[in-house]
């Protein structure tokens, strides 16, 4: 029987290296994902204003639903390869 394609893989990270992300950090990350593609190029369609609004609404919903988003503490800065 094949593995469940929707199963979330276990990530070997200690809980000491994780911290809750603030609502502002989550909204900023979501807005960025809505404005830019995976290569960092702007998406067409004028998403700048709508992305910020959509990100704020998503964060509000996640808070109401009881989600906690974690991020790594003190991670090294991202470097493009």
C-alpha atoms as a PDB file:
ATOM      1  CA  UNK A   1       0.000   0.000   0.000  1.00  0.00           C
ATOM      2  CA  UNK A   2       1.550   3.367  -1.007  1.00  0.00           C
ATOM      3  CA  UNK A   3       2.226   6.051   1.561  1.00  0.00           C
ATOM      4  CA  UNK A   4      -0.375   8.765   2.020  1.00  0.00           C
ATOM      5  CA  UNK A   5       0.616  11.651  -0.330  1.00  0.00           C
ATOM      6  CA  UNK A   6      -1.105  14.146   1.970  1.00  0.00           C
ATOM      7  CA  UNK A   7       0.689  13.022   5.122  1.00  0.00           C
ATOM      8  CA  UNK A   8       2.938  15.645   6.688  1.00  0.00           C
ATOM      9  CA  UNK A   9       6.469  14.269   7.034  1.00  0.00           C
ATOM     10  CA  UNK A  10       8.138  14.314  10.427  1.00  0.00           C
ATOM     11  CA  UNK A  11      10.781  17.020  10.669  1.00  0.00           C
ATOM     12  CA  UNK A  12      13.656  16.190  13.030  1.00  0.00           C
ATOM     13  CA  UNK A  13      13.805  19.537  14.834  1.00  0.00           C
ATOM     14  CA  UNK A  14      14.011  19.970  18.572  1.00  0.00           C
ATOM     15  CA  UNK A  15      11.274  22.063  20.110  1.00  0.00           C
ATOM     16  CA  UNK A  16      13.925  24.233  21.759  1.00  0.00           C
ATOM     17  CA  UNK A  17      14.858  25.528  18.303  1.00  0.00           C
ATOM     18  CA  UNK A  18      11.277  26.644  17.552  1.00  0.00           C
ATOM     19  CA  UNK A  19       9.405  29.753  18.652  1.00  0.00           C
ATOM     20  CA  UNK A  20       5.898  31.050  17.888  1.00  0.00           C
ATOM     21  CA  UNK A  21       5.807  33.485  14.978  1.00  0.00           C
ATOM     22  CA  UNK A  22       4.094  36.800  15.627  1.00  0.00           C
ATOM     23  CA  UNK A  23       0.929  37.698  13.683  1.00  0.00           C
ATOM     24  CA  UNK A  24       2.906  40.414  11.888  1.00  0.00           C
ATOM     25  CA  UNK A  25       5.587  37.956  10.775  1.00  0.00           C
ATOM     26  CA  UNK A  26       2.958  35.538   9.497  1.00  0.00           C
ATOM     27  CA  UNK A  27       1.090  38.279   7.605  1.00  0.00           C
ATOM     28  CA  UNK A  28       4.341  39.536   6.078  1.00  0.00           C
ATOM     29  CA  UNK A  29       5.297  36.044   4.889  1.00  0.00           C
ATOM     30  CA  UNK A  30       1.845  35.352   3.455  1.00  0.00           C
ATOM     31  CA  UNK A  31       1.742  38.712   1.665  1.00  0.00           C
ATOM     32  CA  UNK A  32       5.167  38.049   0.163  1.00  0.00           C
ATOM     33  CA  UNK A  33       4.028  34.630  -1.068  1.00  0.00           C
ATOM     34  CA  UNK A  34       0.983  36.213  -2.693  1.00  0.00           C
ATOM     35  CA  UNK A  35       3.003  38.996  -4.376  1.00  0.00           C
ATOM     36  CA  UNK A  36       5.980  36.985  -5.657  1.00  0.00           C
ATOM     37  CA  UNK A  37       6.489  33.586  -7.287  1.00  0.00           C
ATOM     38  CA  UNK A  38       8.904  30.887  -6.104  1.00  0.00           C
ATOM     39  CA  UNK A  39      11.794  32.610  -7.906  1.00  0.00           C
ATOM     40  CA  UNK A  40      11.129  35.975  -6.270  1.00  0.00           C
ATOM     41  CA  UNK A  41       9.659  37.517  -9.414  1.00  0.00           C
ATOM     42  CA  UNK A  42       6.574  39.702  -8.996  1.00  0.00           C
ATOM     43  CA  UNK A  43       3.298  38.070  -9.956  1.00  0.00           C
ATOM     44  CA  UNK A  44       1.292  39.887 -12.583  1.00  0.00           C
ATOM     45  CA  UNK A  45      -2.085  41.312 -11.763  1.00  0.00           C
ATOM     46  CA  UNK A  46      -1.506  44.112  -9.251  1.00  0.00           C
ATOM     47  CA  UNK A  47      -1.496  41.964  -6.096  1.00  0.00           C
ATOM     48  CA  UNK A  48       0.418  44.496  -3.969  1.00  0.00           C
ATOM     49  CA  UNK A  49      -2.603  45.969  -2.177  1.00  0.00           C
ATOM     50  CA  UNK A  50      -4.791  42.860  -2.229  1.00  0.00           C
ATOM     51  CA  UNK A  51      -1.965  40.648  -0.917  1.00  0.00           C
ATOM     52  CA  UNK A  52      -1.659  42.646   2.302  1.00  0.00           C
ATOM     53  CA  UNK A  53      -5.414  42.545   2.915  1.00  0.00           C
ATOM     54  CA  UNK A  54      -5.658  38.820   2.148  1.00  0.00           C
ATOM     55  CA  UNK A  55      -2.686  38.069   4.413  1.00  0.00           C
ATOM     56  CA  UNK A  56      -4.245  39.980   7.324  1.00  0.00           C
ATOM     57  CA  UNK A  57      -7.549  38.106   6.912  1.00  0.00           C
ATOM     58  CA  UNK A  58      -5.738  34.759   6.785  1.00  0.00           C
ATOM     59  CA  UNK A  59      -3.845  35.560   9.992  1.00  0.00           C
ATOM     60  CA  UNK A  60      -7.081  36.555  11.725  1.00  0.00           C
ATOM     61  CA  UNK A  61      -8.695  33.283  10.672  1.00  0.00           C
ATOM     62  CA  UNK A  62      -5.713  31.212  11.796  1.00  0.00           C
ATOM     63  CA  UNK A  63      -5.809  32.901  15.224  1.00  0.00           C
ATOM     64  CA  UNK A  64      -9.560  32.285  15.596  1.00  0.00           C
ATOM     65  CA  UNK A  65      -9.117  28.657  14.563  1.00  0.00           C
ATOM     66  CA  UNK A  66      -6.454  28.136  17.212  1.00  0.00           C
ATOM     67  CA  UNK A  67      -3.462  27.588  14.939  1.00  0.00           C
ATOM     68  CA  UNK A  68       0.040  28.248  16.201  1.00  0.00           C
ATOM     69  CA  UNK A  69       2.699  28.870  13.571  1.00  0.00           C
ATOM     70  CA  UNK A  70       6.259  28.120  14.619  1.00  0.00           C
ATOM     71  CA  UNK A  71       9.509  29.370  13.158  1.00  0.00           C
ATOM     72  CA  UNK A  72      13.122  28.471  13.732  1.00  0.00           C
ATOM     73  CA  UNK A  73      15.033  30.562  16.246  1.00  0.00           C
ATOM     74  CA  UNK A  74      18.256  32.290  15.248  1.00  0.00           C
ATOM     75  CA  UNK A  75      18.463  30.711  11.832  1.00  0.00           C
ATOM     76  CA  UNK A  76      21.198  31.765   9.451  1.00  0.00           C
ATOM     77  CA  UNK A  77      20.187  34.384   6.871  1.00  0.00           C
ATOM     78  CA  UNK A  78      18.915  33.080   3.555  1.00  0.00           C
ATOM     79  CA  UNK A  79      21.410  33.156   0.727  1.00  0.00           C
ATOM     80  CA  UNK A  80      20.478  32.775  -2.904  1.00  0.00           C
ATOM     81  CA  UNK A  81      22.511  30.043  -4.527  1.00  0.00           C
END
